[in-house]
Protein backbone atom coordinates (compact mmCIF):
# COMPACT_ATOMS: atom_id res chain seq x y z
CA MET A 1 -8.28 16.73 32.07
CA SER A 2 -8.57 18.46 28.70
CA THR A 3 -11.87 19.14 26.96
CA GLN A 4 -10.19 19.41 23.57
CA THR A 5 -11.62 16.94 21.03
CA ASN A 6 -9.94 15.66 17.92
CA PRO A 7 -11.51 16.90 14.68
CA PRO A 8 -13.00 14.18 12.46
CA ALA A 9 -10.76 12.73 9.77
CA ASN A 10 -13.12 13.87 7.00
CA PRO A 11 -14.89 17.01 8.21
CA ALA A 12 -18.29 17.71 6.74
CA LYS A 13 -18.52 20.36 4.05
CA GLY A 14 -21.36 22.45 2.71
CA ASN A 15 -24.85 21.64 3.95
CA LEU A 16 -23.49 18.70 5.98
CA GLN A 17 -21.66 20.97 8.43
CA GLY A 18 -22.78 20.47 11.98
CA GLN A 19 -23.53 16.81 11.37
CA THR A 20 -21.00 14.42 12.80
CA THR A 21 -19.98 10.89 12.01
CA LEU A 22 -20.89 7.92 14.16
CA ALA A 23 -17.26 7.57 15.23
CA ALA A 24 -17.15 11.20 16.41
CA LYS A 25 -20.39 10.76 18.33
CA ILE A 26 -19.13 7.57 19.98
CA ASP A 27 -15.93 9.36 21.03
CA ARG A 28 -17.93 12.25 22.49
CA TRP A 29 -20.31 9.88 24.25
CA GLN A 30 -17.47 7.76 25.64
CA HIS A 31 -15.70 10.87 26.96
CA MET A 32 -18.83 12.04 28.78
CA ASN A 33 -19.61 8.57 30.10
CA ASP A 34 -16.07 8.16 31.48
CA ASN A 35 -16.36 11.49 33.32
CA VAL A 36 -19.83 10.67 34.67
CA LYS A 37 -18.68 7.23 35.95
CA VAL A 38 -16.04 8.90 38.09
CA GLN A 39 -18.62 11.24 39.63
CA LEU A 40 -21.54 8.78 40.09
CA ASP A 41 -21.24 9.04 43.90
CA ALA A 42 -21.97 12.76 43.61
CA PHE A 43 -24.89 12.17 41.19
CA PRO A 44 -26.63 8.93 42.27
CA GLN A 45 -29.79 9.89 40.35
CA LEU A 46 -27.81 9.47 37.07
CA LYS A 47 -26.75 5.85 37.72
CA ASP A 48 -29.60 4.30 35.68
CA PHE A 49 -29.06 6.73 32.79
CA GLN A 50 -25.31 6.08 32.83
CA THR A 51 -25.87 2.31 32.71
CA GLN A 52 -28.25 2.66 29.74
CA PHE A 53 -25.84 5.08 28.10
CA GLN A 54 -22.97 2.59 28.43
CA GLN A 55 -25.14 -0.08 26.74
CA VAL A 56 -25.94 2.30 23.89
CA ILE A 57 -22.23 3.13 23.48
CA ASP A 58 -21.30 -0.56 23.41
CA GLU A 59 -24.01 -1.28 20.83
CA ALA A 60 -22.92 1.72 18.72
CA LYS A 61 -19.29 0.49 18.76
CA ALA A 62 -20.41 -2.99 17.67
CA LEU A 63 -22.57 -1.48 14.91
CA ARG A 64 -19.67 0.67 13.70
CA LEU A 65 -17.41 -2.39 13.47
CA GLN A 66 -20.14 -4.26 11.60
CA MET A 67 -20.54 -1.35 9.16
CA MET A 68 -16.78 -1.20 8.58
CA ASN A 69 -16.75 -4.95 7.83
CA ILE A 70 -19.65 -4.54 5.40
CA GLU A 71 -17.86 -1.65 3.66
CA ALA A 72 -14.66 -3.72 3.37
CA GLU A 73 -16.65 -6.63 1.91
CA ALA A 74 -18.39 -4.27 -0.54
CA LEU A 75 -15.04 -2.88 -1.71
CA SER A 76 -13.68 -6.38 -2.13
CA SER A 77 -16.79 -7.48 -4.02
CA THR A 78 -16.61 -4.45 -6.29
CA ALA A 79 -12.97 -5.17 -7.12
CA ARG A 80 -13.82 -8.82 -7.87
CA ARG A 81 -16.77 -7.73 -10.02
CA ASN A 82 -14.57 -5.35 -12.04
CA VAL A 83 -11.99 -8.10 -12.63
CA LEU A 84 -14.72 -10.54 -13.69
CA ILE A 85 -16.28 -8.01 -16.07
CA SER A 86 -12.92 -7.23 -17.65
CA THR A 87 -12.00 -10.90 -18.03
CA GLY A 88 -15.47 -11.81 -19.33
CA ASP A 89 -15.49 -9.00 -21.89
CA ASP A 90 -12.02 -9.99 -23.10
CA LEU A 91 -12.97 -13.67 -23.47
CA PHE A 92 -16.30 -12.80 -25.13
CA SER A 93 -14.46 -10.63 -27.64
CA ARG A 94 -11.92 -13.36 -28.38
CA LEU A 95 -14.61 -16.01 -28.81
CA SER A 96 -16.79 -13.81 -31.00
CA HIS A 97 -13.82 -12.91 -33.21
CA GLY A 98 -12.88 -16.59 -33.44
CA LEU A 99 -16.44 -17.52 -34.44
CA ARG A 100 -16.53 -14.74 -37.02
CA SER A 101 -13.24 -16.00 -38.41
CA ALA A 102 -14.42 -19.61 -38.56
CA LEU A 103 -18.00 -19.05 -39.76
CA GLY A 104 -17.67 -15.82 -41.68
CA PRO A 105 -18.62 -12.32 -40.56
CA LYS A 106 -22.08 -12.45 -42.15
CA SER A 107 -23.04 -16.04 -41.29
CA GLU A 108 -26.51 -16.66 -39.87
CA LEU A 109 -24.96 -19.22 -37.49
CA LEU A 110 -23.37 -16.38 -35.49
CA VAL A 111 -26.79 -15.53 -34.04
CA LYS A 112 -26.91 -19.02 -32.49
CA TYR A 113 -23.85 -18.08 -30.40
CA GLY A 114 -25.12 -14.66 -29.39
CA VAL A 115 -22.86 -12.78 -31.79
CA LYS A 116 -24.26 -10.05 -33.99
CA ARG A 117 -23.81 -10.62 -37.68
CA GLY A 118 -21.82 -8.19 -39.75
CA LYS A 119 -23.73 -5.66 -41.76
CA ALA A 120 -24.80 -6.71 -45.24
CA GLY A 121 -22.77 -3.91 -46.73
CA ARG A 122 -23.11 -0.25 -47.29
CA LYS A 123 -26.16 0.99 -49.05
CA LYS A 124 -25.41 2.92 -52.16
CA ALA A 125 -26.10 6.58 -51.83
CA ALA A 126 -29.21 7.62 -53.69
CA GLN A 127 -28.40 9.15 -57.04
CA PRO A 128 -28.78 12.88 -56.71
CA THR A 129 -31.39 14.28 -59.04
CA PRO A 130 -29.64 16.27 -61.72
CA SER A 131 -30.28 19.94 -61.36
CA PRO A 132 -31.31 21.77 -64.46
CA ALA A 133 -28.33 22.95 -66.45
CA PRO A 134 -27.61 26.65 -66.19
CA PRO A 135 -28.52 28.64 -69.27
CA PRO A 136 -25.70 28.90 -71.77
CA VAL A 137 -23.61 32.01 -71.56
CA GLU A 138 -23.32 33.93 -74.75
CA ALA A 139 -19.84 34.88 -75.90
CA GLN A 140 -19.06 38.56 -75.80
CA ALA A 141 -18.04 40.25 -79.01
CA THR A 142 -15.24 42.30 -77.45
CA PRO A 143 -12.66 40.71 -75.13
CA VAL A 144 -12.31 42.01 -71.59
CA PRO A 145 -8.91 43.65 -71.01
CA VAL A 146 -6.73 41.84 -68.44
CA PRO A 147 -4.49 44.13 -66.36
CA VAL A 148 -0.77 43.44 -66.81
CA PRO A 149 1.51 43.90 -63.79
CA PRO A 150 4.23 46.56 -64.25
CA ALA A 151 7.71 45.28 -65.09
CA LYS A 152 10.51 45.97 -62.67
């Protein structure tokens, strides 16, 4: 008989190393219990412990199946929730656009249906205060020479 155990499907990483899953523990427990059952004649003092251990293993297996069913139901419920949210948002959008079209985007009646009214319009930007005009520049008496590029 081999003492080699199968590694868990999703081994723990980081600070979870050394901790094992319930399934791995049940497998280890079942392996030990099977080996002890065969040798109970040699270790009669362990019979009560082995019987209790078998009950714990059976309860752990039942609990694991229950947890797997709960997880499957949760995944199913989450998928249904996502579909409902998507469908509800789409229908809400269609209804609100239809109401806006029928009543007008700024109608007060939209509030009755739970739709936000359109904004009243953009506020005009405040008129900037005119800055004081720069002092006038006096004309120079002599023109400034402009460099002419050399002809080729």
